Each structure stands twice: as C-alpha cells, then as structure tokens.
Amino acid sequence: MTSKTGVLLMQLGTPDSPSTRDVARYLGEFLNDPRVVDLPWLARKLLVNGIIVPFRSPKSARIYRQLWELGGGRSPLLTYTERAQTLLQARFAGEPVVVEMAMRYQNPSLESVLERMRRANYARIVLIPLFPQYASASTGSAIDRALDIIRRWWVIPELSTVSQFYDQPAYIDAVAARADGFRLDEYDHVLFSYHGLPERQLDKVYADGDLCADQPCETEVNEANRFCYKAACYATTRLLAARLGLPESRYTTCFQSRLNGKWVQPFSDQVIEAQARQGARKLLVFSPAFVADCLETLIEIGEEYQALFAQHGGEKVQLVPSSNDHPRFIDCLETLVRERLPSA
C-alpha cells in the first residue's frame, strides 16, 4: 500500500478584504501573537487592542485598498500563494502527495486546512513556512501554531518541518532571475531590503546571554548564529550578489518596516534617502525575505520609497518582483518536499 504525504505551504496572512473591519481583525490576530509583539501579556493587549488596532486600522485599510487595486481586486499575496500551491501540486502528478496552503493569520486558516488534512489521514505531513530566513515572528509562529493544532489530534502522523531555505540554490536562482529584465549597470546602487525585526528578537536566538552584536552576522553564518535572522539575511545577500556578479561597493543590505530605532539596522528608508543625497538617480531594490509580492514590496518599496527617493532628488526606485510563481521557486519548493519523502 502506498502511503500519502500531505504538504502544507504556510504564508503570513492577509485581510479578507481591504475594509477597515477586516483589516482590524487581521491586525488584531497578527499583533496579538506573542512571537510577533513579544511583550508581557497585559502590555501587549493594551498596546495592540487599545492603541495600534483602533488607530492604525483606518490608515492601513486605505493602503490595503491600493494593494487590492494593484492585485486586480484581491490580495496579491493570496493570489501568488495559490499559484505556488497549484504549480507545486502539478510537480507531483500521479504521486501520492497532496499540496495544501494556509495563512498563519486569517484565511484560509491553519485550523480549517489542518482539519481537512487530519481527515485525509496522511502518513506524513511536511510543513513549509514560506519564509526563506528563519525568524520566530514568522517561521517560528507558523510552525508553533500548526504543531499546537496537530498535538490535539488522536493520531499524529510523521511530521517534517522546514525552518529556512535562504541558501537553497533554486531559491537564489529564482530571486536572481527576476532581475533578468533589468540591466544592473544602469542603476547607481542595488539594495537588498529585508523585513525588519526588533533587536531584542535577534538576541533571543543566542544562549548564555550572548548578543547578536557579538556575532559576525554581516560576514558569516556559524554554529552560534545559524538561526539568527540578521545572519541569514546577510548570507542571502552574499549568495545573490555572487550570482549577479555584484561587487560589495555596488550593493547594501538593509531592513524595512521598522516601528522604532531599536530594530535591526541599517534602515531601508534611511539608505534610500542617503543614496539620493549622494547623487544616485536610479536604485534597484530586491526584497529577498518575501517570496510573494505584498504590501511591503508593492506599496512600501514600490510607492512609498519611490516618493521618498524623489523627495530627496532621486529619480527611480525600481522594485524587482518577488519569486511569486517563477519556475525556479517552484523547483525550490519541490526540492524541499522531495528531500523529506521516504526513499523509494
């Protein structure tokens, strides 16, 4: 008898619609996650439910409406994740492998999709968070929630998880291939912009009171920092720069979407502004922490950073599309699954 394998692609999430109500519901679920806002329970509840969600939701809803327009009337993140699911499923045609997808926050929910997978009675389940570099607030949260649901099952099948895949060759190829339509020598500088994290979350990776600042995260991945988000981001940049033939003087690794000054630096918006002040006219920006285009790429980089650059004398911030449904990205996902299937 051939046993079946279930594969679950897990993405961060998206509001069901750009309405203020749906955006507030999404932000409430997202920001109340203790792995995202890692404050004591009461402080987190007061901050998120008393300040951030009520005051931020209307503004965020306006931004999400822009995003929906760019996405043809729906969330681009949802569209590209569905495409990845369909394309990955096609790679296993005729094989006992079923590919599902779910969102960590909102819909399709982990609860509903995992219940369908429980009823399917798989012999094994492969959990793949769609975050190339490990962070507790993304990968850790998705795996944590999935395992919390699965642990309640009477029958728990064989489980396999993917913690990160930033160094998977097909992933690097997919990101690099997205720049094929651009001539790198036409741009004054190249930015590799990653989602930011609070510095305290980086430090929690290390044991015995060590700090991220004590590690050579900008230059190497070692035994101590192999799950440090900052180290993984810089390693991703080095792999991409080598693949693209970029010397160190031509690019900068930076971090976007910060909430305050105690987040990992350098900050992408400050790098953008500095480049403009130094006379740069055209910037090419990769977003290697995002496998699907979303608010942080299409709006924050594509529109907000463009406006900031122009304000200080620059001309063009060119966003390189995310991996989305590129064949090499599907190759990456297929490899991650096949590595976890039983030997023939």
Foldseek 3Di string as FASTA:
>chain_A
DAFAEEEEEEEADDFPALDLVSQLQQQLVLQQPCLAVVDPNVVSCCPRVVPCSVVPSVVSSVLVVVCCVVVVNGFQVVVLVVLLQVVLVVVQVPHRYHYYYAYPTDPPHLLVVVVVVVVVVGQEYEYEYPFQAAFCSGLVSSVVVNVVNQVPDPDRHHYHYDRHHLPPVLQLVLLLVLCVVDDLVVFQAEEAEEAKDFQVRLQVQAPPRDGPVVDPLLPAQDPGRVRRRSSSQNVSVVSNCVVVVHDPVRYDYAYEDDDDDRIDDDHPLVVLLVCLLVPTAEYEYEYSRDQTDGSCQCPVQVPVSCVSNVVSHHHYYHYRGHSRNPPSVSVSVSVVVVVVDDDD
